[in-house]
C-alpha atoms as a PDB file:
ATOM      1  CA  MET A   1      29.563  -1.906   2.692  1.00  0.00           C
ATOM      2  CA  GLU A   2      27.589   0.297  -0.269  1.00  0.00           C
ATOM      3  CA  PHE A   3      24.305  -0.490  -0.395  1.00  0.00           C
ATOM      4  CA  ILE A   4      21.768   1.199  -2.859  1.00  0.00           C
ATOM      5  CA  ILE A   5      17.994   0.746  -3.496  1.00  0.00           C
ATOM      6  CA  ILE A   6      16.583   1.793  -6.835  1.00  0.00           C
ATOM      7  CA  SER A   7      13.210   2.690  -7.395  1.00  0.00           C
ATOM      8  CA  GLY A   8      11.192   4.596  -9.652  1.00  0.00           C
ATOM      9  CA  LEU A   9       8.551   5.146 -12.350  1.00  0.00           C
ATOM     10  CA  SER A  10       8.069   1.754 -14.893  1.00  0.00           C
ATOM     11  CA  GLY A  11       9.756   2.154 -17.871  1.00  0.00           C
ATOM     12  CA  ALA A  12      12.231   4.836 -16.469  1.00  0.00           C
ATOM     13  CA  GLY A  13      15.518   2.862 -16.628  1.00  0.00           C
ATOM     14  CA  LYS A  14      15.768   1.024 -13.168  1.00  0.00           C
ATOM     15  CA  SER A  15      16.864  -2.237 -14.426  1.00  0.00           C
ATOM     16  CA  SER A  16      19.580  -0.217 -16.921  1.00  0.00           C
ATOM     17  CA  ALA A  17      20.673   1.330 -13.864  1.00  0.00           C
ATOM     18  CA  ALA A  18      21.177  -2.029 -11.840  1.00  0.00           C
ATOM     19  CA  ALA A  19      23.144  -3.328 -15.138  1.00  0.00           C
ATOM     20  CA  PHE A  20      25.488  -0.077 -15.018  1.00  0.00           C
ATOM     21  CA  LEU A  21      26.419  -0.940 -11.197  1.00  0.00           C
ATOM     22  CA  GLU A  22      26.613  -4.716 -12.010  1.00  0.00           C
ATOM     23  CA  ASP A  23      29.233  -3.809 -14.499  1.00  0.00           C
ATOM     24  CA  LEU A  24      30.951  -1.430 -12.031  1.00  0.00           C
ATOM     25  CA  GLY A  25      31.273  -4.821  -9.428  1.00  0.00           C
ATOM     26  CA  PHE A  26      28.043  -4.460  -7.471  1.00  0.00           C
ATOM     27  CA  TYR A  27      26.032  -7.619  -6.679  1.00  0.00           C
ATOM     28  CA  CYS A  28      22.889  -6.723  -7.848  1.00  0.00           C
ATOM     29  CA  VAL A  29      19.094  -8.234  -7.353  1.00  0.00           C
ATOM     30  CA  ASP A  30      16.150  -6.879  -9.942  1.00  0.00           C
ATOM     31  CA  ASN A  31      12.653  -7.037  -8.349  1.00  0.00           C
ATOM     32  CA  MET A  32      13.293  -7.401  -4.707  1.00  0.00           C
ATOM     33  CA  PRO A  33      10.075  -7.458  -2.720  1.00  0.00           C
ATOM     34  CA  VAL A  34      10.079  -4.463  -0.139  1.00  0.00           C
ATOM     35  CA  ALA A  35       9.424  -6.662   2.207  1.00  0.00           C
ATOM     36  CA  LEU A  36      12.614  -8.877   2.108  1.00  0.00           C
ATOM     37  CA  ILE A  37      14.846  -5.770   2.043  1.00  0.00           C
ATOM     38  CA  THR A  38      16.133  -5.941   5.545  1.00  0.00           C
ATOM     39  CA  ASN A  39      16.633  -9.768   5.667  1.00  0.00           C
ATOM     40  CA  PHE A  40      18.835  -9.326   2.494  1.00  0.00           C
ATOM     41  CA  ALA A  41      20.607  -6.640   3.631  1.00  0.00           C
ATOM     42  CA  GLY A  42      21.722  -8.726   6.966  1.00  0.00           C
ATOM     43  CA  LEU A  43      22.697 -11.587   4.741  1.00  0.00           C
ATOM     44  CA  CYS A  44      25.051  -9.385   2.454  1.00  0.00           C
ATOM     45  CA  MET A  45      26.208  -7.728   5.790  1.00  0.00           C
ATOM     46  CA  ALA A  46      26.943 -11.220   6.991  1.00  0.00           C
ATOM     47  CA  GLY A  47      29.185 -12.136   3.960  1.00  0.00           C
ATOM     48  CA  ALA A  48      30.481  -8.822   3.055  1.00  0.00           C
ATOM     49  CA  GLY A  49      34.031 -10.070   4.354  1.00  0.00           C
ATOM     50  CA  THR A  50      34.204 -12.360   1.332  1.00  0.00           C
ATOM     51  CA  GLY A  51      34.071  -9.236  -0.876  1.00  0.00           C
ATOM     52  CA  LYS A  52      30.987 -10.709  -3.047  1.00  0.00           C
ATOM     53  CA  TYR A  53      28.734  -8.317  -0.969  1.00  0.00           C
ATOM     54  CA  GLY A  54      30.799  -5.239  -0.185  1.00  0.00           C
ATOM     55  CA  ARG A  55      28.909  -3.680  -3.075  1.00  0.00           C
ATOM     56  CA  VAL A  56      25.134  -4.275  -3.405  1.00  0.00           C
ATOM     57  CA  ALA A  57      22.118  -2.627  -5.215  1.00  0.00           C
ATOM     58  CA  LEU A  58      18.946  -4.040  -5.375  1.00  0.00           C
ATOM     59  CA  VAL A  59      15.691  -2.992  -7.795  1.00  0.00           C
ATOM     60  CA  THR A  60      11.949  -2.845  -5.768  1.00  0.00           C
ATOM     61  CA  ASP A  61       9.046  -1.354  -6.906  1.00  0.00           C
ATOM     62  CA  ILE A  62       7.825   1.141  -4.527  1.00  0.00           C
ATOM     63  CA  ARG A  63       4.500   2.659  -6.502  1.00  0.00           C
ATOM     64  CA  GLY A  64       1.688   1.342  -4.372  1.00  0.00           C
ATOM     65  CA  GLY A  65       0.792   3.202  -1.133  1.00  0.00           C
ATOM     66  CA  GLN A  66       0.909   0.311   1.017  1.00  0.00           C
ATOM     67  CA  THR A  67       4.378  -0.248  -0.492  1.00  0.00           C
ATOM     68  CA  PHE A  68       5.701   2.960   0.761  1.00  0.00           C
ATOM     69  CA  ASP A  69       4.708   1.988   4.464  1.00  0.00           C
ATOM     70  CA  GLU A  70       6.942  -1.061   4.002  1.00  0.00           C
ATOM     71  CA  LEU A  71       9.562   0.774   2.498  1.00  0.00           C
ATOM     72  CA  PHE A  72       9.979   3.153   5.368  1.00  0.00           C
ATOM     73  CA  GLN A  73       9.834   0.416   7.745  1.00  0.00           C
ATOM     74  CA  ALA A  74      12.666  -1.373   5.897  1.00  0.00           C
ATOM     75  CA  LEU A  75      14.755   1.723   6.013  1.00  0.00           C
ATOM     76  CA  ASP A  76      13.988   2.145   9.620  1.00  0.00           C
ATOM     77  CA  GLY A  77      15.208  -1.453   9.913  1.00  0.00           C
ATOM     78  CA  LEU A  78      18.148  -0.552   8.029  1.00  0.00           C
ATOM     79  CA  ARG A  79      19.447   2.471  10.204  1.00  0.00           C
ATOM     80  CA  GLU A  80      18.970  -0.009  12.904  1.00  0.00           C
ATOM     81  CA  MET A  81      21.406  -2.277  11.420  1.00  0.00           C
ATOM     82  CA  HIS A  82      24.022   0.850  11.205  1.00  0.00           C
ATOM     83  CA  LEU A  83      23.557  -0.036   7.815  1.00  0.00           C
ATOM     84  CA  ASP A  84      24.429   3.312   5.290  1.00  0.00           C
ATOM     85  CA  TYR A  85      22.219   3.195   2.341  1.00  0.00           C
ATOM     86  CA  GLN A  86      21.493   5.133  -0.973  1.00  0.00           C
ATOM     87  CA  LEU A  87      18.056   5.437  -2.192  1.00  0.00           C
ATOM     88  CA  LEU A  88      18.227   6.207  -6.180  1.00  0.00           C
ATOM     89  CA  PHE A  89      14.578   6.934  -7.513  1.00  0.00           C
ATOM     90  CA  ILE A  90      14.614   7.081 -11.541  1.00  0.00           C
ATOM     91  CA  GLU A  91      11.869   8.861 -13.558  1.00  0.00           C
ATOM     92  CA  ALA A  92      11.819   9.560 -16.987  1.00  0.00           C
ATOM     93  CA  ALA A  93       9.679  12.068 -19.206  1.00  0.00           C
ATOM     94  CA  ASP A  94       5.954  10.671 -20.118  1.00  0.00           C
ATOM     95  CA  GLU A  95       6.991  10.515 -23.768  1.00  0.00           C
ATOM     96  CA  ASP A  96      10.271   8.501 -23.061  1.00  0.00           C
ATOM     97  CA  ILE A  97       8.355   5.821 -20.933  1.00  0.00           C
ATOM     98  CA  VAL A  98       5.516   5.772 -24.001  1.00  0.00           C
ATOM     99  CA  ARG A  99       8.490   5.066 -26.816  1.00  0.00           C
ATOM    100  CA  ARG A 100      10.219   2.816 -24.387  1.00  0.00           C
ATOM    101  CA  TYR A 101       6.635   0.486 -24.080  1.00  0.00           C
ATOM    102  CA  LYS A 102       5.976   0.816 -27.499  1.00  0.00           C
ATOM    103  CA  GLU A 103       9.525  -0.663 -28.357  1.00  0.00           C
ATOM    104  CA  THR A 104       8.907  -3.377 -25.871  1.00  0.00           C
ATOM    105  CA  ARG A 105       5.687  -4.375 -26.657  1.00  0.00           C
ATOM    106  CA  HIS A 106       4.547  -7.997 -27.123  1.00  0.00           C
ATOM    107  CA  THR A 107       2.074  -8.622 -29.724  1.00  0.00           C
END
């Protein structure tokens, strides 16, 4: 099973990365709370034999200090489940993030 956790700076392209992976056949979930990662992984592992959950990517926000502790706990849980995972942290230059916010600002 392929399991990718996507996180990073707001406006850096996390959702775009998930959309790209979805085009490659990954089952993607955007905005997954960190506290649900291990439960979600367990469900995916149980359904991996169906083929639908053999390649999974999720987007989560780990910018908050308290969330880092939750993320480390979730990663420990994934290791205890013997689930290999990849962590993709996306960042962008300040100018690019400011430009993206200006492009998507709701007025």
